[in-house]
Amino acid sequence: MTAQPPSVPLIGLPHGVQIPQVGLGMFKIDDPDMAGVVDVALRAGYRHFDLAAYYGNERAFGHALRESGAARDELFLTSKVWNTDHGHTEALAAFERTRAHLGVDVLDLYLIHWPVPSAGRYLETWQALEGLQQQGLTRAIGVSNFTRTHLERLLAQSDVKPAVNQVELHPYFQQRCLRTFHHEHGIVTQAWSPLGRGAVLDDPVVVEIAARHHVSPAQAILRWHLQLGTVVFPKSSSPARIAANIDLFGFELDEDDMQRMRSLDRGRRTGPDPDSM
């Protein structure tokens, strides 16, 4: 097993951390399926796994990883602190649970899962993450589902800027203004629900682009994400789809393809509005 399949690009984060641009999303991977999914993913070339306390499967993933024999230094592991664990003390305790469940000493990336503005504690939570990074317990820290308003407050009132912001992003919800803000502040954009929960797969434009490149609609969309520069997490428990979703480097979308994908933006979420939580 090599440290990182050379076909998967690496994106630089602060302090020399390198994050693989394609990872496997672990949301809704049930415990009985975990060992098989991890085995198939490692064989397909995944070295980046996106987890969260909320997913409820960190312990099963940690066990599957140990059983796989994969070397820890060949992997990039992300997890997230859940909404009910906002606050300095609470976030530190949540991190220790995650670390114990995964069976690792150091996490590669730790995120605030949602800003939960109604609770008003994400700044406290961020300060806890800053401390974890300073102690070397996580190599990088970031946020998830933060809007520009949340990011501006965080940047104004903290010492460390988020390395990443993981947000809903797909051809029907392209978040162009937020991505521009990320670029201006050196924040890497990560895309969850990169296929729009499957809604985009049957779009005639996507189907036509995919057919022209002799790939699946999912592969065409994921390739679009890569060419935008986002880190992407396709999720599947199907061995065939797990393998196909990382097989993205034998073709390239041209400028016309990218413009046609751009035209699909509807500006509508499929998931929750971060301001309403």
Protein backbone atom coordinates (compact mmCIF):
# COMPACT_ATOMS: atom_id res chain seq x y z
CA MET A 1 0.00 0.00 0.00
CA THR A 2 1.52 3.31 -1.05
CA ALA A 3 1.23 6.43 1.08
CA GLN A 4 -1.05 8.15 -1.43
CA PRO A 5 -2.11 7.06 -4.90
CA PRO A 6 -0.37 9.52 -7.21
CA SER A 7 -3.52 10.14 -9.25
CA VAL A 8 -5.29 11.90 -6.35
CA PRO A 9 -4.13 15.53 -6.05
CA LEU A 10 -3.11 16.95 -2.70
CA ILE A 11 -4.13 20.43 -1.58
CA GLY A 12 -2.03 22.37 0.87
CA LEU A 13 -3.38 23.44 4.25
CA PRO A 14 -1.52 25.55 6.85
CA HIS A 15 1.59 24.17 8.58
CA GLY A 16 2.51 21.93 5.67
CA VAL A 17 -0.54 19.67 5.96
CA GLN A 18 -1.55 18.04 2.66
CA ILE A 19 -5.16 16.93 2.16
CA PRO A 20 -6.20 14.50 -0.60
CA GLN A 21 -8.74 16.16 -2.89
CA VAL A 22 -10.99 13.07 -2.99
CA GLY A 23 -12.23 11.40 0.18
CA LEU A 24 -14.95 8.96 1.13
CA GLY A 25 -17.90 10.34 3.06
CA MET A 26 -18.86 8.02 5.93
CA PHE A 27 -22.35 9.39 6.64
CA LYS A 28 -24.96 6.61 6.95
CA ILE A 29 -22.43 3.79 6.65
CA ASP A 30 -23.89 1.26 9.09
CA ASP A 31 -21.64 -0.61 11.50
CA PRO A 32 -22.21 -4.07 9.90
CA ASP A 33 -21.13 -2.67 6.52
CA MET A 34 -18.14 -0.73 7.77
CA ALA A 35 -15.40 -3.35 7.40
CA GLY A 36 -16.40 -4.12 3.83
CA VAL A 37 -16.67 -0.45 2.86
CA VAL A 38 -13.27 0.40 4.35
CA ASP A 39 -11.64 -2.58 2.64
CA VAL A 40 -13.12 -1.72 -0.76
CA ALA A 41 -12.22 1.97 -0.35
CA LEU A 42 -8.59 1.26 0.56
CA ARG A 43 -8.23 -1.11 -2.40
CA ALA A 44 -9.74 1.53 -4.71
CA GLY A 45 -7.16 4.08 -3.59
CA TYR A 46 -8.97 6.18 -0.96
CA ARG A 47 -6.74 7.44 1.83
CA HIS A 48 -9.02 10.25 3.02
CA PHE A 49 -12.09 9.51 5.16
CA ASP A 50 -14.62 12.10 6.32
CA LEU A 51 -16.26 11.23 9.65
CA ALA A 52 -18.26 12.98 12.37
CA ALA A 53 -19.41 12.24 15.89
CA TYR A 54 -22.99 12.71 14.66
CA TYR A 55 -22.64 9.83 12.20
CA GLY A 56 -22.45 7.42 15.13
CA ASN A 57 -19.97 5.09 13.42
CA GLU A 58 -16.55 6.33 14.54
CA ARG A 59 -15.97 3.30 16.75
CA ALA A 60 -16.87 0.87 13.93
CA PHE A 61 -14.63 2.79 11.53
CA GLY A 62 -11.71 2.72 13.96
CA HIS A 63 -12.10 -1.04 14.39
CA ALA A 64 -12.32 -1.59 10.63
CA LEU A 65 -9.23 0.51 10.07
CA ARG A 66 -7.20 -1.44 12.58
CA GLU A 67 -8.36 -4.72 11.05
CA SER A 68 -7.39 -3.48 7.57
CA GLY A 69 -3.74 -3.15 8.49
CA ALA A 70 -3.52 0.27 6.83
CA ALA A 71 -0.67 2.39 8.16
CA ARG A 72 -1.91 5.44 10.05
CA ASP A 73 0.59 7.77 8.38
CA GLU A 74 -0.85 6.85 4.98
CA LEU A 75 -4.31 8.13 5.90
CA PHE A 76 -6.06 11.46 6.32
CA LEU A 77 -8.86 11.35 8.90
CA THR A 78 -11.40 14.11 9.48
CA SER A 79 -14.06 14.30 12.18
CA LYS A 80 -16.40 16.94 13.55
CA VAL A 81 -17.73 18.19 16.87
CA TRP A 82 -21.52 17.98 17.05
CA ASN A 83 -23.99 20.77 17.87
CA THR A 84 -24.72 19.59 21.41
CA ASP A 85 -21.01 19.77 22.27
CA HIS A 86 -20.46 23.46 21.56
CA GLY A 87 -18.48 25.30 24.22
CA HIS A 88 -14.85 25.07 25.29
CA THR A 89 -15.05 22.25 27.84
CA GLU A 90 -17.69 20.34 25.90
CA ALA A 91 -15.71 20.43 22.66
CA LEU A 92 -12.55 19.15 24.34
CA ALA A 93 -14.48 16.23 25.83
CA ALA A 94 -16.08 15.51 22.45
CA PHE A 95 -12.66 15.43 20.81
CA GLU A 96 -11.37 12.94 23.37
CA ARG A 97 -14.36 10.66 22.68
CA THR A 98 -13.70 10.84 18.95
CA ARG A 99 -10.01 10.12 19.44
CA ALA A 100 -10.80 7.11 21.61
CA HIS A 101 -13.45 5.77 19.21
CA LEU A 102 -11.12 6.06 16.23
CA GLY A 103 -8.18 4.68 18.18
CA VAL A 104 -5.77 7.42 17.07
CA ASP A 105 -3.44 9.73 18.93
CA VAL A 106 -3.66 12.60 16.44
CA LEU A 107 -6.47 13.60 14.10
CA ASP A 108 -5.60 15.12 10.74
CA LEU A 109 -8.51 17.59 10.64
CA TYR A 110 -11.16 18.51 13.21
CA LEU A 111 -14.17 20.64 12.29
CA ILE A 112 -17.09 22.42 13.91
CA HIS A 113 -19.96 20.56 12.24
CA TRP A 114 -22.50 23.43 12.28
CA PRO A 115 -22.22 26.99 13.61
CA VAL A 116 -25.53 26.76 15.56
CA PRO A 117 -25.88 30.56 15.78
CA SER A 118 -28.94 30.16 18.01
CA ALA A 119 -26.64 28.81 20.75
CA GLY A 120 -24.05 31.54 20.18
CA ARG A 121 -21.10 29.38 21.27
CA TYR A 122 -19.13 28.64 18.12
CA LEU A 123 -16.39 31.10 19.11
CA GLU A 124 -15.86 29.21 22.38
CA THR A 125 -15.80 25.97 20.44
CA TRP A 126 -13.27 27.38 17.99
CA GLN A 127 -10.99 28.43 20.84
CA ALA A 128 -11.03 24.82 22.05
CA LEU A 129 -10.02 23.63 18.57
CA GLU A 130 -7.22 26.19 18.49
CA GLY A 131 -5.90 24.69 21.72
CA LEU A 132 -6.08 21.16 20.31
CA GLN A 133 -4.01 22.22 17.32
CA GLN A 134 -1.48 24.02 19.50
CA GLN A 135 -1.06 20.82 21.52
CA GLY A 136 -0.47 18.81 18.36
CA LEU A 137 -3.58 16.68 18.88
CA THR A 138 -5.01 17.68 15.51
CA ARG A 139 -2.91 18.73 12.55
CA ALA A 140 -5.47 21.18 11.14
CA ILE A 141 -8.78 22.70 12.21
CA GLY A 142 -11.71 24.05 10.26
CA VAL A 143 -15.44 24.51 10.10
CA SER A 144 -18.43 23.10 8.28
CA ASN A 145 -21.65 24.77 7.10
CA PHE A 146 -20.43 28.26 8.00
CA THR A 147 -21.82 31.14 5.98
CA ARG A 148 -19.83 34.27 5.14
CA THR A 149 -21.38 36.01 8.17
CA HIS A 150 -20.23 33.26 10.53
CA LEU A 151 -16.76 33.23 8.96
CA GLU A 152 -16.36 37.00 9.19
CA ARG A 153 -17.12 36.92 12.91
CA LEU A 154 -14.74 34.02 13.44
CA LEU A 155 -11.93 35.68 11.50
CA ALA A 156 -12.40 38.95 13.40
CA GLN A 157 -12.36 37.37 16.85
CA SER A 158 -9.87 34.50 16.68
CA ASP A 159 -6.16 33.96 16.19
CA VAL A 160 -6.32 31.05 13.73
CA LYS A 161 -8.34 31.05 10.53
CA PRO A 162 -10.14 27.86 9.48
CA ALA A 163 -8.14 25.71 7.10
CA VAL A 164 -11.35 24.53 5.42
CA ASN A 165 -15.09 25.13 5.30
CA GLN A 166 -17.09 22.04 4.37
CA VAL A 167 -20.42 23.06 2.84
CA GLU A 168 -23.24 21.76 0.66
CA LEU A 169 -22.01 22.20 -2.89
CA HIS A 170 -23.18 20.69 -6.18
CA PRO A 171 -24.19 21.93 -9.66
CA TYR A 172 -27.65 22.96 -8.42
CA PHE A 173 -26.17 24.88 -5.44
CA GLN A 174 -22.78 26.24 -6.41
CA GLN A 175 -22.08 28.76 -3.61
CA ARG A 176 -20.03 30.99 -5.90
CA CYS A 177 -19.95 34.00 -3.56
CA LEU A 178 -18.89 31.87 -0.60
CA ARG A 179 -16.22 30.11 -2.66
CA THR A 180 -14.85 33.50 -3.69
CA PHE A 181 -14.70 34.55 -0.03
CA HIS A 182 -12.87 31.32 0.81
CA HIS A 183 -10.34 31.96 -1.95
CA GLU A 184 -9.73 35.52 -0.77
CA HIS A 185 -8.98 34.30 2.76
CA GLY A 186 -7.03 31.15 1.97
CA ILE A 187 -9.77 28.78 3.13
CA VAL A 188 -10.12 25.49 1.23
CA THR A 189 -13.66 24.64 0.11
CA GLN A 190 -14.90 21.12 0.80
CA ALA A 191 -18.11 19.81 -0.78
CA TRP A 192 -20.61 17.60 0.99
CA SER A 193 -23.54 16.22 -0.98
CA PRO A 194 -21.46 16.73 -4.14
CA LEU A 195 -24.10 15.00 -6.28
CA GLY A 196 -27.01 16.96 -4.83
CA ARG A 197 -28.35 13.83 -3.10
CA GLY A 198 -28.65 12.28 -6.54
CA ALA A 199 -30.94 14.99 -7.88
CA VAL A 200 -28.38 16.23 -10.41
CA LEU A 201 -27.56 12.84 -11.92
CA ASP A 202 -30.49 12.86 -14.34
CA ASP A 203 -30.06 16.45 -15.50
CA PRO A 204 -29.88 16.41 -19.33
CA VAL A 205 -26.83 18.67 -19.38
CA VAL A 206 -24.93 16.39 -17.00
CA VAL A 207 -26.03 13.26 -18.88
CA GLU A 208 -24.84 14.74 -22.19
CA ILE A 209 -21.48 15.84 -20.82
CA ALA A 210 -20.95 12.42 -19.24
CA ALA A 211 -21.83 10.59 -22.46
CA ARG A 212 -19.38 12.72 -24.45
CA HIS A 213 -16.56 11.73 -22.09
CA HIS A 214 -17.72 8.10 -21.79
CA VAL A 215 -18.12 8.36 -18.04
CA SER A 216 -21.06 8.22 -15.63
CA PRO A 217 -22.99 11.37 -14.65
CA ALA A 218 -21.56 11.03 -11.13
CA GLN A 219 -18.02 10.98 -12.50
CA ALA A 220 -18.70 14.04 -14.65
CA ILE A 221 -20.01 15.98 -11.63
CA LEU A 222 -17.13 14.90 -9.40
CA ARG A 223 -14.66 15.91 -12.10
CA TRP A 224 -16.35 19.34 -12.19
CA HIS A 225 -15.73 19.64 -8.45
CA LEU A 226 -12.06 18.76 -8.84
CA GLN A 227 -11.59 21.37 -11.55
CA LEU A 228 -13.19 23.98 -9.28
CA GLY A 229 -10.47 23.14 -6.75
CA THR A 230 -12.81 21.77 -4.07
CA VAL A 231 -12.17 18.76 -1.85
CA VAL A 232 -14.99 16.33 -2.51
CA PHE A 233 -16.59 13.48 -0.53
CA PRO A 234 -18.77 11.16 -2.60
CA LYS A 235 -20.61 8.72 -0.35
CA SER A 236 -21.54 5.16 -1.23
CA SER A 237 -21.50 1.67 0.22
CA SER A 238 -21.61 0.06 -3.24
CA PRO A 239 -18.20 -1.40 -4.21
CA ALA A 240 -18.70 -0.46 -7.86
CA ARG A 241 -19.64 3.13 -7.10
CA ILE A 242 -16.89 3.51 -4.49
CA ALA A 243 -14.35 2.53 -7.16
CA ALA A 244 -15.95 4.67 -9.89
CA ASN A 245 -16.10 7.77 -7.68
CA ILE A 246 -12.33 7.96 -7.40
CA ASP A 247 -11.70 7.05 -11.07
CA LEU A 248 -11.73 10.68 -12.16
CA PHE A 249 -8.33 11.30 -13.66
CA GLY A 250 -8.52 9.81 -17.16
CA PHE A 251 -10.58 12.67 -18.58
CA GLU A 252 -11.00 16.43 -18.22
CA LEU A 253 -13.94 18.75 -18.74
CA ASP A 254 -13.30 21.52 -21.24
CA GLU A 255 -14.30 25.15 -20.83
CA ASP A 256 -17.64 24.60 -22.57
CA ASP A 257 -18.43 21.74 -20.19
CA MET A 258 -17.56 23.91 -17.21
CA GLN A 259 -19.72 26.76 -18.46
CA ARG A 260 -22.67 24.45 -19.04
CA MET A 261 -22.28 23.05 -15.53
CA ARG A 262 -22.15 26.62 -14.23
CA SER A 263 -25.50 27.34 -15.90
CA LEU A 264 -27.21 24.67 -13.78
CA ASP A 265 -27.02 26.67 -10.54
CA ARG A 266 -30.47 27.04 -8.96
CA GLY A 267 -29.29 28.58 -5.70
CA ARG A 268 -31.38 26.20 -3.60
CA ARG A 269 -30.20 23.97 -0.79
CA THR A 270 -31.21 20.36 -0.30
CA GLY A 271 -29.96 20.40 3.30
CA PRO A 272 -30.60 22.66 6.29
CA ASP A 273 -29.96 26.39 6.31
CA PRO A 274 -27.06 27.02 8.74
CA ASP A 275 -28.79 30.13 10.09
CA SER A 276 -31.87 28.15 11.13
CA MET A 277 -30.15 25.66 13.42
